Amino acid sequence: MSHLTDNDRQALELARDLRANMQQWLTQHGANGTFSISPFVDPTGKPSVIITMDSPVALAMMRSLNQQSAPAPQHPGQLPVPTQAYR
């Protein structure tokens, strides 16, 4: 059995906490979909996570983030929030 470094343990804790928060957020927003969170330690030694999600989760997240920010005119190069699921 290998021993985990402090950074490994912090990455695992970060992933666990983020997973729980995202699941709660999805439930509160009635979003159905799947996501996964993978802990890792980046090359500089910083605890990090990789998030993967399907299109319903990504769309729900984009809509929520867009609603939280103040409405602003769309600038050249700014990506619009899609209204349909990706395939």
PDB file of N, CA and C in Angstrom:
ATOM      1  N   MET A   1       0.851  -1.179   0.000  1.00  0.00           N
ATOM      2  CA  MET A   1       0.000   0.000   0.000  1.00  0.00           C
ATOM      3  C   MET A   1       0.895   1.239   0.000  1.00  0.00           C
ATOM      4  N   SER A   2       0.626   2.131  -0.920  1.00  0.00           N
ATOM      5  CA  SER A   2       1.437   3.342  -0.998  1.00  0.00           C
ATOM      6  C   SER A   2       0.951   4.380   0.007  1.00  0.00           C
ATOM      7  N   HIS A   3       1.851   5.242   0.374  1.00  0.00           N
ATOM      8  CA  HIS A   3       1.515   6.295   1.320  1.00  0.00           C
ATOM      9  C   HIS A   3       1.173   7.561   0.553  1.00  0.00           C
ATOM     10  N   LEU A   4       0.149   8.249   1.018  1.00  0.00           N
ATOM     11  CA  LEU A   4      -0.272   9.485   0.376  1.00  0.00           C
ATOM     12  C   LEU A   4       0.474  10.670   0.976  1.00  0.00           C
ATOM     13  N   THR A   5       0.848  11.594   0.123  1.00  0.00           N
ATOM     14  CA  THR A   5       1.451  12.836   0.612  1.00  0.00           C
ATOM     15  C   THR A   5       0.344  13.748   1.113  1.00  0.00           C
ATOM     16  N   ASP A   6       0.723  14.809   1.794  1.00  0.00           N
ATOM     17  CA  ASP A   6      -0.266  15.797   2.237  1.00  0.00           C
ATOM     18  C   ASP A   6      -1.024  16.364   1.045  1.00  0.00           C
ATOM     19  N   ASN A   7      -0.313  16.625  -0.056  1.00  0.00           N
ATOM     20  CA  ASN A   7      -0.976  17.166  -1.249  1.00  0.00           C
ATOM     21  C   ASN A   7      -1.947  16.155  -1.855  1.00  0.00           C
ATOM     22  N   ASP A   8      -1.601  14.868  -1.832  1.00  0.00           N
ATOM     23  CA  ASP A   8      -2.517  13.833  -2.308  1.00  0.00           C
ATOM     24  C   ASP A   8      -3.799  13.835  -1.473  1.00  0.00           C
ATOM     25  N   ARG A   9      -3.632  13.885  -0.163  1.00  0.00           N
ATOM     26  CA  ARG A   9      -4.796  13.895   0.730  1.00  0.00           C
ATOM     27  C   ARG A   9      -5.640  15.149   0.511  1.00  0.00           C
ATOM     28  N   GLN A  10      -4.990  16.290   0.293  1.00  0.00           N
ATOM     29  CA  GLN A  10      -5.729  17.526   0.044  1.00  0.00           C
ATOM     30  C   GLN A  10      -6.494  17.440  -1.274  1.00  0.00           C
ATOM     31  N   ALA A  11      -5.903  16.837  -2.291  1.00  0.00           N
ATOM     32  CA  ALA A  11      -6.587  16.669  -3.579  1.00  0.00           C
ATOM     33  C   ALA A  11      -7.802  15.760  -3.421  1.00  0.00           C
ATOM     34  N   LEU A  12      -7.655  14.680  -2.652  1.00  0.00           N
ATOM     35  CA  LEU A  12      -8.786  13.779  -2.400  1.00  0.00           C
ATOM     36  C   LEU A  12      -9.900  14.504  -1.651  1.00  0.00           C
ATOM     37  N   GLU A  13      -9.541  15.292  -0.658  1.00  0.00           N
ATOM     38  CA  GLU A  13     -10.539  16.044   0.110  1.00  0.00           C
ATOM     39  C   GLU A  13     -11.233  17.085  -0.772  1.00  0.00           C
ATOM     40  N   LEU A  14     -10.454  17.765  -1.597  1.00  0.00           N
ATOM     41  CA  LEU A  14     -11.014  18.751  -2.515  1.00  0.00           C
ATOM     42  C   LEU A  14     -12.029  18.087  -3.444  1.00  0.00           C
ATOM     43  N   ALA A  15     -11.663  16.951  -4.022  1.00  0.00           N
ATOM     44  CA  ALA A  15     -12.563  16.233  -4.930  1.00  0.00           C
ATOM     45  C   ALA A  15     -13.823  15.778  -4.206  1.00  0.00           C
ATOM     46  N   ARG A  16     -13.677  15.249  -3.000  1.00  0.00           N
ATOM     47  CA  ARG A  16     -14.831  14.788  -2.218  1.00  0.00           C
ATOM     48  C   ARG A  16     -15.783  15.938  -1.916  1.00  0.00           C
ATOM     49  N   ASP A  17     -15.231  17.064  -1.456  1.00  0.00           N
ATOM     50  CA  ASP A  17     -16.068  18.207  -1.104  1.00  0.00           C
ATOM     51  C   ASP A  17     -16.747  18.800  -2.337  1.00  0.00           C
ATOM     52  N   LEU A  18     -16.009  18.910  -3.428  1.00  0.00           N
ATOM     53  CA  LEU A  18     -16.584  19.450  -4.655  1.00  0.00           C
ATOM     54  C   LEU A  18     -17.674  18.535  -5.192  1.00  0.00           C
ATOM     55  N   ARG A  19     -17.454  17.228  -5.145  1.00  0.00           N
ATOM     56  CA  ARG A  19     -18.451  16.253  -5.602  1.00  0.00           C
ATOM     57  C   ARG A  19     -19.751  16.413  -4.808  1.00  0.00           C
ATOM     58  N   ALA A  20     -19.630  16.541  -3.496  1.00  0.00           N
ATOM     59  CA  ALA A  20     -20.821  16.700  -2.654  1.00  0.00           C
ATOM     60  C   ALA A  20     -21.541  18.018  -2.962  1.00  0.00           C
ATOM     61  N   ASN A  21     -20.781  19.089  -3.138  1.00  0.00           N
ATOM     62  CA  ASN A  21     -21.387  20.383  -3.441  1.00  0.00           C
ATOM     63  C   ASN A  21     -22.052  20.380  -4.813  1.00  0.00           C
ATOM     64  N   MET A  22     -21.410  19.772  -5.797  1.00  0.00           N
ATOM     65  CA  MET A  22     -22.012  19.718  -7.134  1.00  0.00           C
ATOM     66  C   MET A  22     -23.280  18.876  -7.125  1.00  0.00           C
ATOM     67  N   GLN A  23     -23.279  17.767  -6.398  1.00  0.00           N
ATOM     68  CA  GLN A  23     -24.477  16.924  -6.329  1.00  0.00           C
ATOM     69  C   GLN A  23     -25.622  17.686  -5.683  1.00  0.00           C
ATOM     70  N   GLN A  24     -25.330  18.427  -4.627  1.00  0.00           N
ATOM     71  CA  GLN A  24     -26.351  19.236  -3.961  1.00  0.00           C
ATOM     72  C   GLN A  24     -26.869  20.312  -4.922  1.00  0.00           C
ATOM     73  N   TRP A  25     -25.964  20.959  -5.645  1.00  0.00           N
ATOM     74  CA  TRP A  25     -26.354  22.007  -6.583  1.00  0.00           C
ATOM     75  C   TRP A  25     -27.251  21.429  -7.680  1.00  0.00           C
ATOM     76  N   LEU A  26     -26.869  20.272  -8.220  1.00  0.00           N
ATOM     77  CA  LEU A  26     -27.677  19.642  -9.265  1.00  0.00           C
ATOM     78  C   LEU A  26     -29.077  19.320  -8.762  1.00  0.00           C
ATOM     79  N   THR A  27     -29.165  18.797  -7.559  1.00  0.00           N
ATOM     80  CA  THR A  27     -30.460  18.468  -6.969  1.00  0.00           C
ATOM     81  C   THR A  27     -31.303  19.728  -6.802  1.00  0.00           C
ATOM     82  N   GLN A  28     -30.709  20.793  -6.289  1.00  0.00           N
ATOM     83  CA  GLN A  28     -31.430  22.047  -6.080  1.00  0.00           C
ATOM     84  C   GLN A  28     -31.909  22.658  -7.392  1.00  0.00           C
ATOM     85  N   HIS A  29     -31.181  22.440  -8.470  1.00  0.00           N
ATOM     86  CA  HIS A  29     -31.536  23.012  -9.767  1.00  0.00           C
ATOM     87  C   HIS A  29     -32.314  22.044 -10.655  1.00  0.00           C
ATOM     88  N   GLY A  30     -32.630  20.879 -10.129  1.00  0.00           N
ATOM     89  CA  GLY A  30     -33.403  19.902 -10.882  1.00  0.00           C
ATOM     90  C   GLY A  30     -32.713  19.428 -12.142  1.00  0.00           C
ATOM     91  N   ALA A  31     -31.391  19.480 -12.143  1.00  0.00           N
ATOM     92  CA  ALA A  31     -30.640  19.062 -13.323  1.00  0.00           C
ATOM     93  C   ALA A  31     -30.353  17.566 -13.235  1.00  0.00           C
ATOM     94  N   ASN A  32     -30.606  16.881 -14.324  1.00  0.00           N
ATOM     95  CA  ASN A  32     -30.314  15.452 -14.404  1.00  0.00           C
ATOM     96  C   ASN A  32     -29.137  15.258 -15.335  1.00  0.00           C
ATOM     97  N   GLY A  33     -28.173  14.513 -14.895  1.00  0.00           N
ATOM     98  CA  GLY A  33     -27.003  14.252 -15.716  1.00  0.00           C
ATOM     99  C   GLY A  33     -25.931  13.601 -14.870  1.00  0.00           C
ATOM    100  N   THR A  34     -24.805  13.384 -15.498  1.00  0.00           N
ATOM    101  CA  THR A  34     -23.703  12.744 -14.795  1.00  0.00           C
ATOM    102  C   THR A  34     -22.448  13.606 -14.852  1.00  0.00           C
ATOM    103  N   PHE A  35     -21.649  13.451 -13.825  1.00  0.00           N
ATOM    104  CA  PHE A  35     -20.362  14.140 -13.774  1.00  0.00           C
ATOM    105  C   PHE A  35     -19.410  13.291 -12.955  1.00  0.00           C
ATOM    106  N   SER A  36     -18.148  13.538 -13.133  1.00  0.00           N
ATOM    107  CA  SER A  36     -17.146  12.874 -12.298  1.00  0.00           C
ATOM    108  C   SER A  36     -16.058  13.878 -11.960  1.00  0.00           C
ATOM    109  N   ILE A  37     -15.455  13.664 -10.824  1.00  0.00           N
ATOM    110  CA  ILE A  37     -14.388  14.541 -10.354  1.00  0.00           C
ATOM    111  C   ILE A  37     -13.211  13.656  -9.975  1.00  0.00           C
ATOM    112  N   SER A  38     -12.081  13.942 -10.597  1.00  0.00           N
ATOM    113  CA  SER A  38     -10.875  13.145 -10.357  1.00  0.00           C
ATOM    114  C   SER A  38      -9.810  14.003  -9.687  1.00  0.00           C
ATOM    115  N   PRO A  39      -9.337  13.575  -8.529  1.00  0.00           N
ATOM    116  CA  PRO A  39      -8.286  14.330  -7.852  1.00  0.00           C
ATOM    117  C   PRO A  39      -6.917  14.036  -8.461  1.00  0.00           C
ATOM    118  N   PHE A  40      -6.050  15.024  -8.433  1.00  0.00           N
ATOM    119  CA  PHE A  40      -4.659  14.813  -8.816  1.00  0.00           C
ATOM    120  C   PHE A  40      -3.820  15.942  -8.241  1.00  0.00           C
ATOM    121  N   VAL A  41      -2.539  15.747  -8.239  1.00  0.00           N
ATOM    122  CA  VAL A  41      -1.597  16.779  -7.816  1.00  0.00           C
ATOM    123  C   VAL A  41      -0.879  17.236  -9.080  1.00  0.00           C
ATOM    124  N   ASP A  42      -0.960  18.543  -9.370  1.00  0.00           N
ATOM    125  CA  ASP A  42      -0.368  19.043 -10.617  1.00  0.00           C
ATOM    126  C   ASP A  42       1.157  19.045 -10.528  1.00  0.00           C
ATOM    127  N   PRO A  43       1.830  19.298 -11.647  1.00  0.00           N
ATOM    128  CA  PRO A  43       3.294  19.241 -11.659  1.00  0.00           C
ATOM    129  C   PRO A  43       3.984  20.192 -10.674  1.00  0.00           C
ATOM    130  N   THR A  44       3.283  21.249 -10.259  1.00  0.00           N
ATOM    131  CA  THR A  44       3.886  22.165  -9.285  1.00  0.00           C
ATOM    132  C   THR A  44       3.611  21.724  -7.848  1.00  0.00           C
ATOM    133  N   GLY A  45       2.855  20.612  -7.695  1.00  0.00           N
ATOM    134  CA  GLY A  45       2.571  20.102  -6.365  1.00  0.00           C
ATOM    135  C   GLY A  45       1.265  20.607  -5.767  1.00  0.00           C
ATOM    136  N   LYS A  46       0.466  21.316  -6.562  1.00  0.00           N
ATOM    137  CA  LYS A  46      -0.792  21.881  -6.065  1.00  0.00           C
ATOM    138  C   LYS A  46      -1.928  20.862  -6.175  1.00  0.00           C
ATOM    139  N   PRO A  47      -2.672  20.626  -5.066  1.00  0.00           N
ATOM    140  CA  PRO A  47      -3.842  19.749  -5.132  1.00  0.00           C
ATOM    141  C   PRO A  47      -4.844  20.313  -6.139  1.00  0.00           C
ATOM    142  N   SER A  48      -5.345  19.460  -7.027  1.00  0.00           N
ATOM    143  CA  SER A  48      -6.213  19.898  -8.115  1.00  0.00           C
ATOM    144  C   SER A  48      -7.270  18.841  -8.396  1.00  0.00           C
ATOM    145  N   VAL A  49      -8.226  19.195  -9.262  1.00  0.00           N
ATOM    146  CA  VAL A  49      -9.238  18.246  -9.708  1.00  0.00           C
ATOM    147  C   VAL A  49      -9.468  18.417 -11.200  1.00  0.00           C
ATOM    148  N   ILE A  50      -9.927  17.353 -11.814  1.00  0.00           N
ATOM    149  CA  ILE A  50     -10.413  17.381 -13.190  1.00  0.00           C
ATOM    150  C   ILE A  50     -11.892  17.044 -13.110  1.00  0.00           C
ATOM    151  N   ILE A  51     -12.715  17.875 -13.754  1.00  0.00           N
ATOM    152  CA  ILE A  51     -14.160  17.658 -13.760  1.00  0.00           C
ATOM    153  C   ILE A  51     -14.584  17.274 -15.170  1.00  0.00           C
ATOM    154  N   THR A  52     -15.337  16.192 -15.284  1.00  0.00           N
ATOM    155  CA  THR A  52     -15.971  15.840 -16.545  1.00  0.00           C
ATOM    156  C   THR A  52     -17.468  15.793 -16.296  1.00  0.00           C
ATOM    157  N   MET A  53     -18.237  16.217 -17.300  1.00  0.00           N
ATOM    158  CA  MET A  53     -19.690  16.225 -17.152  1.00  0.00           C
ATOM    159  C   MET A  53     -20.348  16.053 -18.509  1.00  0.00           C
ATOM    160  N   ASP A  54     -21.566  15.539 -18.479  1.00  0.00           N
ATOM    161  CA  ASP A  54     -22.299  15.410 -19.723  1.00  0.00           C
ATOM    162  C   ASP A  54     -22.967  16.744 -20.053  1.00  0.00           C
ATOM    163  N   SER A  55     -23.573  16.820 -21.222  1.00  0.00           N
ATOM    164  CA  SER A  55     -24.117  18.099 -21.676  1.00  0.00           C
ATOM    165  C   SER A  55     -25.237  18.646 -20.796  1.00  0.00           C
ATOM    166  N   PRO A  56     -26.169  17.833 -20.242  1.00  0.00           N
ATOM    167  CA  PRO A  56     -27.188  18.433 -19.374  1.00  0.00           C
ATOM    168  C   PRO A  56     -26.587  19.138 -18.152  1.00  0.00           C
ATOM    169  N   VAL A  57     -25.569  18.552 -17.562  1.00  0.00           N
ATOM    170  CA  VAL A  57     -24.926  19.184 -16.405  1.00  0.00           C
ATOM    171  C   VAL A  57     -24.191  20.448 -16.838  1.00  0.00           C
ATOM    172  N   ALA A  58     -23.465  20.371 -17.946  1.00  0.00           N
ATOM    173  CA  ALA A  58     -22.730  21.540 -18.428  1.00  0.00           C
ATOM    174  C   ALA A  58     -23.679  22.679 -18.774  1.00  0.00           C
ATOM    175  N   LEU A  59     -24.779  22.370 -19.445  1.00  0.00           N
ATOM    176  CA  LEU A  59     -25.741  23.409 -19.805  1.00  0.00           C
ATOM    177  C   LEU A  59     -26.372  24.039 -18.574  1.00  0.00           C
ATOM    178  N   ALA A  60     -26.740  23.208 -17.596  1.00  0.00           N
ATOM    179  CA  ALA A  60     -27.321  23.739 -16.361  1.00  0.00           C
ATOM    180  C   ALA A  60     -26.326  24.645 -15.644  1.00  0.00           C
ATOM    181  N   MET A  61     -25.068  24.248 -15.623  1.00  0.00           N
ATOM    182  CA  MET A  61     -24.049  25.054 -14.963  1.00  0.00           C
ATOM    183  C   MET A  61     -23.855  26.388 -15.686  1.00  0.00           C
ATOM    184  N   MET A  62     -23.805  26.339 -17.016  1.00  0.00           N
ATOM    185  CA  MET A  62     -23.635  27.580 -17.775  1.00  0.00           C
ATOM    186  C   MET A  62     -24.815  28.522 -17.561  1.00  0.00           C
ATOM    187  N   ARG A  63     -26.029  27.974 -17.561  1.00  0.00           N
ATOM    188  CA  ARG A  63     -27.202  28.821 -17.319  1.00  0.00           C
ATOM    189  C   ARG A  63     -27.137  29.461 -15.941  1.00  0.00           C
ATOM    190  N   SER A  64     -26.770  28.681 -14.940  1.00  0.00           N
ATOM    191  CA  SER A  64     -26.689  29.200 -13.578  1.00  0.00           C
ATOM    192  C   SER A  64     -25.616  30.273 -13.456  1.00  0.00           C
ATOM    193  N   LEU A  65     -24.467  30.027 -14.032  1.00  0.00           N
ATOM    194  CA  LEU A  65     -23.392  31.019 -13.979  1.00  0.00           C
ATOM    195  C   LEU A  65     -23.793  32.287 -14.715  1.00  0.00           C
ATOM    196  N   ASN A  66     -24.484  32.122 -15.819  1.00  0.00           N
ATOM    197  CA  ASN A  66     -24.927  33.266 -16.602  1.00  0.00           C
ATOM    198  C   ASN A  66     -25.961  34.088 -15.831  1.00  0.00           C
ATOM    199  N   GLN A  67     -26.842  33.428 -15.081  1.00  0.00           N
ATOM    200  CA  GLN A  67     -27.859  34.125 -14.300  1.00  0.00           C
ATOM    201  C   GLN A  67     -27.247  34.872 -13.120  1.00  0.00           C
ATOM    202  N   GLN A  68     -26.162  34.373 -12.572  1.00  0.00           N
ATOM    203  CA  GLN A  68     -25.530  34.997 -11.416  1.00  0.00           C
ATOM    204  C   GLN A  68     -24.774  36.250 -11.778  1.00  0.00           C
ATOM    205  N   SER A  69     -24.318  36.335 -13.009  1.00  0.00           N
ATOM    206  CA  SER A  69     -23.565  37.519 -13.406  1.00  0.00           C
ATOM    207  C   SER A  69     -24.538  38.584 -13.909  1.00  0.00           C
ATOM    208  N   ALA A  70     -24.139  39.825 -13.774  1.00  0.00           N
ATOM    209  CA  ALA A  70     -24.974  40.923 -14.247  1.00  0.00           C
ATOM    210  C   ALA A  70     -25.073  40.853 -15.756  1.00  0.00           C
ATOM    211  N   PRO A  71     -26.257  41.124 -16.296  1.00  0.00           N
ATOM    212  CA  PRO A  71     -26.378  41.112 -17.749  1.00  0.00           C
ATOM    213  C   PRO A  71     -25.446  42.149 -18.370  1.00  0.00           C
ATOM    214  N   ALA A  72     -24.741  41.725 -19.377  1.00  0.00           N
ATOM    215  CA  ALA A  72     -23.816  42.615 -20.063  1.00  0.00           C
ATOM    216  C   ALA A  72     -23.958  42.375 -21.554  1.00  0.00           C
ATOM    217  N   PRO A  73     -23.680  43.371 -22.342  1.00  0.00           N
ATOM    218  CA  PRO A  73     -23.748  43.155 -23.788  1.00  0.00           C
ATOM    219  C   PRO A  73     -22.717  42.123 -24.202  1.00  0.00           C
ATOM    220  N   GLN A  74     -23.068  41.357 -25.209  1.00  0.00           N
ATOM    221  CA  GLN A  74     -22.140  40.335 -25.685  1.00  0.00           C
ATOM    222  C   GLN A  74     -20.991  40.996 -26.425  1.00  0.00           C
ATOM    223  N   HIS A  75     -19.798  40.609 -26.068  1.00  0.00           N
ATOM    224  CA  HIS A  75     -18.598  41.165 -26.674  1.00  0.00           C
ATOM    225  C   HIS A  75     -18.097  40.235 -27.763  1.00  0.00           C
ATOM    226  N   PRO A  76     -17.404  40.767 -28.750  1.00  0.00           N
ATOM    227  CA  PRO A  76     -16.825  39.881 -29.772  1.00  0.00           C
ATOM    228  C   PRO A  76     -15.940  38.831 -29.112  1.00  0.00           C
ATOM    229  N   GLY A  77     -16.114  37.598 -29.512  1.00  0.00           N
ATOM    230  CA  GLY A  77     -15.322  36.513 -28.958  1.00  0.00           C
ATOM    231  C   GLY A  77     -15.954  35.854 -27.750  1.00  0.00           C
ATOM    232  N   GLN A  78     -17.009  36.452 -27.181  1.00  0.00           N
ATOM    233  CA  GLN A  78     -17.680  35.854 -26.029  1.00  0.00           C
ATOM    234  C   GLN A  78     -18.602  34.756 -26.528  1.00  0.00           C
ATOM    235  N   LEU A  79     -18.523  33.598 -25.913  1.00  0.00           N
ATOM    236  CA  LEU A  79     -19.338  32.475 -26.341  1.00  0.00           C
ATOM    237  C   LEU A  79     -20.746  32.596 -25.772  1.00  0.00           C
ATOM    238  N   PRO A  80     -21.763  32.382 -26.587  1.00  0.00           N
ATOM    239  CA  PRO A  80     -23.130  32.412 -26.066  1.00  0.00           C
ATOM    240  C   PRO A  80     -23.406  31.152 -25.265  1.00  0.00           C
ATOM    241  N   VAL A  81     -24.365  31.222 -24.379  1.00  0.00           N
ATOM    242  CA  VAL A  81     -24.770  30.042 -23.623  1.00  0.00           C
ATOM    243  C   VAL A  81     -25.724  29.247 -24.507  1.00  0.00           C
ATOM    244  N   PRO A  82     -25.404  28.003 -24.827  1.00  0.00           N
ATOM    245  CA  PRO A  82     -26.248  27.206 -25.710  1.00  0.00           C
ATOM    246  C   PRO A  82     -27.606  26.948 -25.073  1.00  0.00           C
ATOM    247  N   THR A  83     -28.600  26.798 -25.904  1.00  0.00           N
ATOM    248  CA  THR A  83     -29.950  26.506 -25.423  1.00  0.00           C
ATOM    249  C   THR A  83     -30.337  25.063 -25.682  1.00  0.00           C
ATOM    250  N   GLN A  84     -29.552  24.343 -26.460  1.00  0.00           N
ATOM    251  CA  GLN A  84     -29.856  22.946 -26.766  1.00  0.00           C
ATOM    252  C   GLN A  84     -28.691  22.071 -26.316  1.00  0.00           C
ATOM    253  N   ALA A  85     -29.023  20.824 -26.018  1.00  0.00           N
ATOM    254  CA  ALA A  85     -27.989  19.887 -25.593  1.00  0.00           C
ATOM    255  C   ALA A  85     -27.052  19.559 -26.746  1.00  0.00           C
ATOM    256  N   TYR A  86     -25.805  19.311 -26.417  1.00  0.00           N
ATOM    257  CA  TYR A  86     -24.828  18.845 -27.396  1.00  0.00           C
ATOM    258  C   TYR A  86     -25.053  17.379 -27.645  1.00  0.00           C
ATOM    259  N   ARG A  87     -24.647  16.928 -28.761  1.00  0.00           N
ATOM    260  CA  ARG A  87     -24.817  15.493 -29.077  1.00  0.00           C
ATOM    261  C   ARG A  87     -23.480  14.852 -29.291  1.00  0.00           C
TER     262      ARG A  87
END
